[in-house]
Amino acid sequence: MDFKDKIEIMIRRKGYSKTDFAAKLGITYRALANYISGARMPKEEIMAKMEKELDTTRSFLLDKSKSLILNSEERFIFNASSKSTGVWD
């Protein structure tokens, strides 16, 4: 599972809107959207904030061989989005 998919799922699980999560990190929504789309990777300081807010580690987020266990709703959304734009609403 890719970094971009993991952070999007974890943001949802924490109950954040993307706008709120971006504000919590001290970045713009556009910057977060770039991370979620895979267009950019966060700088070190932003990655550290993500780790803290999402209660995870950098190694988990960046290791493509490690995946989250998805519930049925997440599986449905993940499979549907990966066939279209790759970005969750």
N, C-alpha and C. Protein backbone atom coordinates (compact mmCIF):
# COMPACT_ATOMS: atom_id res chain seq x y z
N MET A 1 0.86 -1.17 0.00
CA MET A 1 0.00 0.00 0.00
C MET A 1 0.90 1.24 0.00
N ASP A 2 0.57 2.19 -0.84
CA ASP A 2 1.36 3.40 -0.98
C ASP A 2 1.16 4.37 0.18
N PHE A 3 2.16 5.23 0.37
CA PHE A 3 2.12 6.29 1.38
C PHE A 3 0.84 7.11 1.27
N LYS A 4 0.52 7.53 0.05
CA LYS A 4 -0.63 8.40 -0.16
C LYS A 4 -1.94 7.73 0.28
N ASP A 5 -2.06 6.43 0.05
CA ASP A 5 -3.27 5.72 0.46
C ASP A 5 -3.32 5.58 1.98
N LYS A 6 -2.19 5.28 2.58
CA LYS A 6 -2.15 5.12 4.03
C LYS A 6 -2.54 6.41 4.75
N ILE A 7 -1.97 7.54 4.31
CA ILE A 7 -2.30 8.77 5.05
C ILE A 7 -3.76 9.15 4.86
N GLU A 8 -4.29 8.91 3.68
CA GLU A 8 -5.70 9.26 3.47
C GLU A 8 -6.61 8.42 4.36
N ILE A 9 -6.35 7.12 4.44
CA ILE A 9 -7.15 6.24 5.29
C ILE A 9 -7.00 6.63 6.75
N MET A 10 -5.78 6.89 7.17
CA MET A 10 -5.52 7.21 8.58
C MET A 10 -6.13 8.56 8.97
N ILE A 11 -6.13 9.51 8.07
CA ILE A 11 -6.78 10.80 8.34
C ILE A 11 -8.27 10.57 8.58
N ARG A 12 -8.89 9.76 7.74
CA ARG A 12 -10.32 9.45 7.91
C ARG A 12 -10.58 8.75 9.24
N ARG A 13 -9.71 7.79 9.58
CA ARG A 13 -9.90 7.04 10.82
C ARG A 13 -9.80 7.94 12.05
N LYS A 14 -8.97 8.94 11.98
CA LYS A 14 -8.82 9.86 13.11
C LYS A 14 -9.97 10.86 13.18
N GLY A 15 -10.80 10.90 12.15
CA GLY A 15 -11.96 11.77 12.16
C GLY A 15 -11.68 13.19 11.71
N TYR A 16 -10.53 13.41 11.11
CA TYR A 16 -10.18 14.74 10.60
C TYR A 16 -10.78 14.95 9.21
N SER A 17 -11.15 16.17 8.91
CA SER A 17 -11.36 16.53 7.51
C SER A 17 -9.96 16.82 6.97
N LYS A 18 -9.80 16.81 5.69
CA LYS A 18 -8.48 17.09 5.12
C LYS A 18 -8.05 18.52 5.44
N THR A 19 -9.00 19.43 5.44
CA THR A 19 -8.70 20.83 5.77
C THR A 19 -8.21 20.96 7.21
N ASP A 20 -8.91 20.29 8.14
CA ASP A 20 -8.51 20.33 9.54
C ASP A 20 -7.15 19.68 9.76
N PHE A 21 -6.92 18.56 9.08
CA PHE A 21 -5.64 17.88 9.24
C PHE A 21 -4.50 18.75 8.72
N ALA A 22 -4.71 19.38 7.58
CA ALA A 22 -3.69 20.28 7.03
C ALA A 22 -3.39 21.40 8.03
N ALA A 23 -4.44 21.99 8.60
CA ALA A 23 -4.25 23.06 9.58
C ALA A 23 -3.49 22.56 10.80
N LYS A 24 -3.79 21.34 11.24
CA LYS A 24 -3.11 20.74 12.39
C LYS A 24 -1.61 20.58 12.11
N LEU A 25 -1.27 20.32 10.86
CA LEU A 25 0.13 20.16 10.46
C LEU A 25 0.81 21.50 10.18
N GLY A 26 0.01 22.55 10.06
CA GLY A 26 0.57 23.86 9.74
C GLY A 26 0.89 24.03 8.27
N ILE A 27 0.13 23.33 7.43
CA ILE A 27 0.33 23.43 5.98
C ILE A 27 -1.00 23.80 5.32
N THR A 28 -0.96 24.10 4.05
CA THR A 28 -2.18 24.42 3.33
C THR A 28 -2.88 23.13 2.90
N TYR A 29 -4.16 23.26 2.61
CA TYR A 29 -4.90 22.13 2.08
C TYR A 29 -4.25 21.65 0.78
N ARG A 30 -3.82 22.59 -0.05
CA ARG A 30 -3.19 22.26 -1.34
C ARG A 30 -1.95 21.41 -1.13
N ALA A 31 -1.14 21.73 -0.13
CA ALA A 31 0.06 20.93 0.15
C ALA A 31 -0.34 19.50 0.52
N LEU A 32 -1.34 19.38 1.40
CA LEU A 32 -1.81 18.04 1.78
C LEU A 32 -2.35 17.30 0.57
N ALA A 33 -3.10 17.98 -0.27
CA ALA A 33 -3.65 17.36 -1.48
C ALA A 33 -2.52 16.84 -2.38
N ASN A 34 -1.42 17.55 -2.43
CA ASN A 34 -0.26 17.10 -3.21
C ASN A 34 0.32 15.81 -2.64
N TYR A 35 0.34 15.67 -1.31
CA TYR A 35 0.85 14.44 -0.68
C TYR A 35 -0.10 13.29 -0.97
N ILE A 36 -1.40 13.56 -0.86
CA ILE A 36 -2.39 12.50 -1.06
C ILE A 36 -2.44 12.06 -2.53
N SER A 37 -2.23 12.98 -3.44
CA SER A 37 -2.25 12.61 -4.86
C SER A 37 -0.95 11.92 -5.28
N GLY A 38 0.07 12.03 -4.45
CA GLY A 38 1.35 11.43 -4.79
C GLY A 38 2.24 12.36 -5.59
N ALA A 39 1.81 13.61 -5.77
CA ALA A 39 2.60 14.57 -6.55
C ALA A 39 3.86 15.01 -5.80
N ARG A 40 3.79 15.01 -4.48
CA ARG A 40 4.92 15.44 -3.66
C ARG A 40 5.00 14.59 -2.40
N MET A 41 6.16 14.62 -1.79
CA MET A 41 6.36 13.97 -0.48
C MET A 41 6.60 15.08 0.54
N PRO A 42 6.13 14.88 1.77
CA PRO A 42 6.32 15.92 2.80
C PRO A 42 7.77 16.08 3.21
N LYS A 43 8.10 17.29 3.63
CA LYS A 43 9.42 17.56 4.18
C LYS A 43 9.53 16.86 5.53
N GLU A 44 10.75 16.76 6.02
CA GLU A 44 11.02 16.06 7.28
C GLU A 44 10.15 16.55 8.44
N GLU A 45 10.05 17.86 8.61
CA GLU A 45 9.29 18.40 9.75
C GLU A 45 7.81 18.08 9.62
N ILE A 46 7.27 18.09 8.43
CA ILE A 46 5.86 17.77 8.21
C ILE A 46 5.63 16.27 8.42
N MET A 47 6.57 15.46 7.95
CA MET A 47 6.46 14.01 8.15
C MET A 47 6.44 13.68 9.65
N ALA A 48 7.26 14.35 10.42
CA ALA A 48 7.29 14.13 11.87
C ALA A 48 5.94 14.49 12.50
N LYS A 49 5.34 15.57 12.05
CA LYS A 49 4.02 15.96 12.57
C LYS A 49 2.95 14.94 12.17
N MET A 50 3.05 14.43 10.94
CA MET A 50 2.10 13.41 10.49
C MET A 50 2.19 12.16 11.36
N GLU A 51 3.42 11.73 11.61
CA GLU A 51 3.64 10.55 12.45
C GLU A 51 2.96 10.73 13.80
N LYS A 52 3.16 11.90 14.40
CA LYS A 52 2.60 12.16 15.72
C LYS A 52 1.07 12.20 15.67
N GLU A 53 0.49 12.92 14.74
CA GLU A 53 -0.96 13.08 14.66
C GLU A 53 -1.66 11.78 14.29
N LEU A 54 -0.99 10.94 13.49
CA LEU A 54 -1.61 9.70 13.04
C LEU A 54 -1.20 8.50 13.90
N ASP A 55 -0.40 8.74 14.93
CA ASP A 55 0.06 7.66 15.83
C ASP A 55 0.69 6.51 15.06
N THR A 56 1.67 6.84 14.25
CA THR A 56 2.33 5.81 13.44
C THR A 56 3.81 6.16 13.31
N THR A 57 4.50 5.38 12.52
CA THR A 57 5.93 5.62 12.29
C THR A 57 6.18 5.92 10.82
N ARG A 58 7.26 6.59 10.59
CA ARG A 58 7.69 6.91 9.23
C ARG A 58 7.95 5.62 8.44
N SER A 59 8.57 4.65 9.09
CA SER A 59 8.88 3.41 8.38
C SER A 59 7.61 2.70 7.91
N PHE A 60 6.55 2.72 8.73
CA PHE A 60 5.29 2.12 8.30
C PHE A 60 4.70 2.90 7.13
N LEU A 61 4.68 4.22 7.24
CA LEU A 61 4.08 5.04 6.18
C LEU A 61 4.80 4.86 4.84
N LEU A 62 6.11 4.71 4.88
CA LEU A 62 6.89 4.66 3.64
C LEU A 62 7.11 3.26 3.07
N ASP A 63 6.87 2.23 3.89
CA ASP A 63 7.09 0.85 3.44
C ASP A 63 5.89 0.35 2.65
N LYS A 64 6.07 0.21 1.33
CA LYS A 64 4.97 -0.21 0.45
C LYS A 64 4.52 -1.65 0.72
N SER A 65 5.38 -2.44 1.35
CA SER A 65 5.01 -3.84 1.62
C SER A 65 4.10 -3.96 2.85
N LYS A 66 3.97 -2.89 3.63
CA LYS A 66 3.10 -2.91 4.80
C LYS A 66 1.79 -2.19 4.47
N SER A 67 0.69 -2.84 4.84
CA SER A 67 -0.62 -2.28 4.55
C SER A 67 -1.45 -2.16 5.81
N LEU A 68 -2.46 -1.33 5.74
CA LEU A 68 -3.45 -1.23 6.80
C LEU A 68 -4.48 -2.34 6.59
N ILE A 69 -5.06 -2.81 7.67
CA ILE A 69 -6.17 -3.74 7.56
C ILE A 69 -7.42 -2.88 7.39
N LEU A 70 -8.07 -3.04 6.25
CA LEU A 70 -9.21 -2.20 5.91
C LEU A 70 -10.52 -2.85 6.34
N ASN A 71 -11.42 -2.02 6.84
CA ASN A 71 -12.77 -2.54 7.11
C ASN A 71 -13.52 -2.59 5.78
N SER A 72 -14.74 -3.11 5.77
CA SER A 72 -15.45 -3.32 4.51
C SER A 72 -15.72 -2.01 3.78
N GLU A 73 -16.06 -0.95 4.51
CA GLU A 73 -16.31 0.35 3.87
C GLU A 73 -15.02 0.88 3.24
N GLU A 74 -13.92 0.78 3.97
CA GLU A 74 -12.63 1.26 3.44
C GLU A 74 -12.22 0.45 2.21
N ARG A 75 -12.42 -0.86 2.24
CA ARG A 75 -12.09 -1.70 1.07
C ARG A 75 -12.89 -1.27 -0.14
N PHE A 76 -14.18 -1.03 0.06
CA PHE A 76 -15.04 -0.60 -1.04
C PHE A 76 -14.54 0.72 -1.63
N ILE A 77 -14.28 1.71 -0.77
CA ILE A 77 -13.82 3.02 -1.23
C ILE A 77 -12.45 2.92 -1.88
N PHE A 78 -11.54 2.18 -1.24
CA PHE A 78 -10.17 2.03 -1.76
C PHE A 78 -10.20 1.37 -3.13
N ASN A 79 -10.96 0.30 -3.28
CA ASN A 79 -11.02 -0.40 -4.57
C ASN A 79 -11.67 0.47 -5.64
N ALA A 80 -12.72 1.19 -5.28
CA ALA A 80 -13.39 2.05 -6.24
C ALA A 80 -12.48 3.19 -6.67
N SER A 81 -11.79 3.81 -5.71
CA SER A 81 -10.95 4.97 -6.05
C SER A 81 -9.70 4.55 -6.80
N SER A 82 -9.16 3.38 -6.50
CA SER A 82 -7.94 2.96 -7.19
C SER A 82 -8.22 2.64 -8.66
N LYS A 83 -9.47 2.37 -8.99
CA LYS A 83 -9.84 2.12 -10.39
C LYS A 83 -10.14 3.41 -11.13
N SER A 84 -10.36 4.50 -10.38
CA SER A 84 -10.67 5.78 -11.04
C SER A 84 -9.53 6.76 -10.84
N THR A 85 -9.70 7.70 -9.92
CA THR A 85 -8.71 8.76 -9.76
C THR A 85 -7.61 8.44 -8.77
N GLY A 86 -7.87 7.50 -7.86
CA GLY A 86 -6.87 7.19 -6.84
C GLY A 86 -6.96 8.12 -5.65
N VAL A 87 -7.89 9.04 -5.66
CA VAL A 87 -8.02 9.99 -4.56
C VAL A 87 -9.41 9.86 -3.95
N TRP A 88 -9.46 9.74 -2.63
CA TRP A 88 -10.73 9.64 -1.93
C TRP A 88 -11.32 11.02 -1.76
N ASP A 89 -12.63 11.10 -1.71
CA ASP A 89 -13.29 12.39 -1.43
C ASP A 89 -13.30 12.67 0.04
